Protein backbone atom coordinates (compact mmCIF):
# COMPACT_ATOMS: atom_id res chain seq x y z
CA LYS A 1 -15.03 30.55 -38.89
CA THR A 2 -13.23 31.17 -41.99
CA SER A 3 -14.22 33.36 -45.07
CA THR A 4 -13.13 30.68 -47.42
CA PRO A 5 -16.30 28.93 -48.72
CA HIS A 6 -14.26 25.66 -49.66
CA HIS A 7 -12.82 24.92 -46.29
CA LEU A 8 -12.92 21.17 -45.13
CA ASP A 9 -13.55 21.34 -41.30
CA PRO A 10 -13.17 17.83 -39.83
CA PHE A 11 -15.19 18.94 -36.85
CA LEU A 12 -18.29 19.90 -38.95
CA PRO A 13 -20.74 17.32 -40.49
CA GLU A 14 -19.89 16.49 -44.14
CA LYS A 15 -21.90 18.23 -46.86
CA ASP A 16 -22.10 17.06 -50.47
CA GLU A 17 -19.91 19.92 -51.63
CA ASP A 18 -17.26 18.90 -49.12
CA LEU A 19 -17.11 15.42 -50.55
CA ALA A 20 -17.05 16.83 -54.01
CA LEU A 21 -14.10 19.06 -53.08
CA ARG A 22 -12.26 16.24 -51.38
CA GLN A 23 -12.86 13.93 -54.44
CA ARG A 24 -11.62 16.83 -56.90
CA LEU A 25 -8.40 17.20 -54.75
CA LEU A 26 -7.80 13.37 -54.56
CA ASN A 27 -8.22 13.14 -58.30
CA ASP A 28 -5.72 15.88 -58.82
CA ILE A 29 -3.23 14.28 -56.56
CA HIS A 30 -3.71 10.97 -58.07
CA SER A 31 -3.27 12.30 -61.47
CA SER A 32 0.00 14.17 -60.64
CA PHE A 33 1.32 10.90 -58.99
CA LYS A 34 0.53 8.75 -62.14
CA GLY A 35 2.42 11.30 -64.19
CA VAL A 36 5.56 11.28 -61.96
CA VAL A 37 5.46 7.39 -61.96
CA MET A 38 4.87 7.06 -65.73
CA GLU A 39 7.84 9.45 -66.34
CA ALA A 40 10.15 7.80 -63.98
CA ARG A 41 9.03 4.14 -64.41
CA GLY A 42 7.01 3.93 -67.55
CA ALA A 43 9.23 1.72 -69.64
CA LYS A 44 10.02 -0.50 -66.73
CA LEU A 45 6.35 -1.09 -65.62
CA LYS A 46 5.47 -4.83 -66.45
CA LEU A 47 1.74 -4.46 -65.48
CA GLY A 48 -1.06 -2.27 -66.94
CA GLU A 49 -1.74 1.24 -65.92
CA GLU A 50 -5.07 0.36 -64.52
CA ARG A 51 -3.71 -2.03 -61.91
CA ALA A 52 -0.57 -0.07 -61.28
CA PHE A 53 -2.62 2.79 -60.11
CA SER A 54 -5.50 0.85 -58.58
CA GLY A 55 -4.34 1.41 -54.97
CA GLU A 56 -3.43 -2.26 -54.71
CA VAL A 57 -0.69 -2.95 -52.26
CA PHE A 58 2.31 -5.05 -53.38
CA THR A 59 5.08 -6.57 -51.28
CA GLY A 60 8.72 -5.55 -52.16
CA ARG A 61 9.28 -8.69 -54.13
CA GLU A 62 6.11 -8.10 -56.16
CA ALA A 63 6.90 -4.54 -56.69
CA VAL A 64 10.34 -5.52 -58.10
CA GLU A 65 8.58 -8.20 -60.39
CA HIS A 66 6.12 -5.56 -61.68
CA GLY A 67 8.77 -2.93 -62.32
CA LEU A 68 7.50 -0.56 -59.76
CA ILE A 69 11.02 -0.45 -58.02
CA ASP A 70 14.42 -1.78 -58.95
CA ALA A 71 15.39 -3.49 -55.66
CA VAL A 72 14.48 -4.17 -52.12
CA GLY A 73 17.03 -2.68 -49.63
CA GLU A 74 17.78 -0.11 -47.11
CA VAL A 75 19.17 3.25 -48.71
CA ARG A 76 22.59 3.13 -47.06
CA GLY A 77 23.23 -0.28 -48.10
CA VAL A 78 22.09 0.18 -51.70
CA MET A 79 24.04 3.44 -52.05
CA ARG A 80 27.25 1.58 -50.78
CA GLU A 81 26.57 -1.09 -53.26
CA LYS A 82 26.22 1.42 -56.05
CA PHE A 83 29.08 3.90 -55.20
CA GLY A 84 31.25 1.95 -52.82
CA GLU A 85 32.13 1.82 -49.11
CA LYS A 86 33.55 5.44 -49.11
CA VAL A 87 30.10 6.90 -49.85
CA ARG A 88 29.00 9.37 -47.18
CA PHE A 89 25.70 10.30 -45.90
CA ARG A 90 24.48 13.66 -44.40
CA ASN A 91 21.64 13.94 -42.09
CA PHE A 92 19.26 16.85 -42.83
CA GLY A 93 16.73 15.69 -40.19
CA GLY A 94 16.13 17.57 -36.91
CA ARG A 95 17.80 16.86 -33.69
CA ARG A 96 16.98 13.50 -32.14
CA MET A 97 15.42 14.20 -28.67
CA LEU A 98 15.02 11.88 -25.71
CA PHE A 99 12.97 12.97 -22.79
CA GLY A 100 12.97 16.61 -24.11
CA ALA A 101 16.64 16.77 -24.49
CA PRO A 102 19.15 16.41 -27.45
CA PHE A 103 20.04 12.76 -27.97
CA SER A 104 22.81 11.15 -29.92
CA SER A 105 23.65 7.53 -30.11
CA ASP A 106 27.22 8.62 -30.87
CA ALA A 107 29.37 7.79 -27.76
CA ASN A 108 31.56 10.83 -28.51
CA ALA A 109 28.66 13.29 -28.84
CA GLY A 110 29.20 15.07 -25.67
CA SER A 111 33.03 15.24 -25.93
């Protein structure tokens, strides 16, 4: 048991106050998300705020048409288009594992 009265426990039956807390958290997250998108994309958006933040799912092509994104592409290809072939990427992810052991697709990794 926790001493915090506003703890959402997925293993206990939901109570009305749990649902109210979850809705309050979701509303706050959604409001923050809208603020970030409006600051970054506001002038580029070509659809109303109500539709843009309704939860509707768009394809990449539709998202470009609506001004939600600038283009469809993979990050490395887009960065090369913008900054040239000499652009370098740094991997900040964890070590890749295969069967519990470090793994690299680089043929020279063990050398």
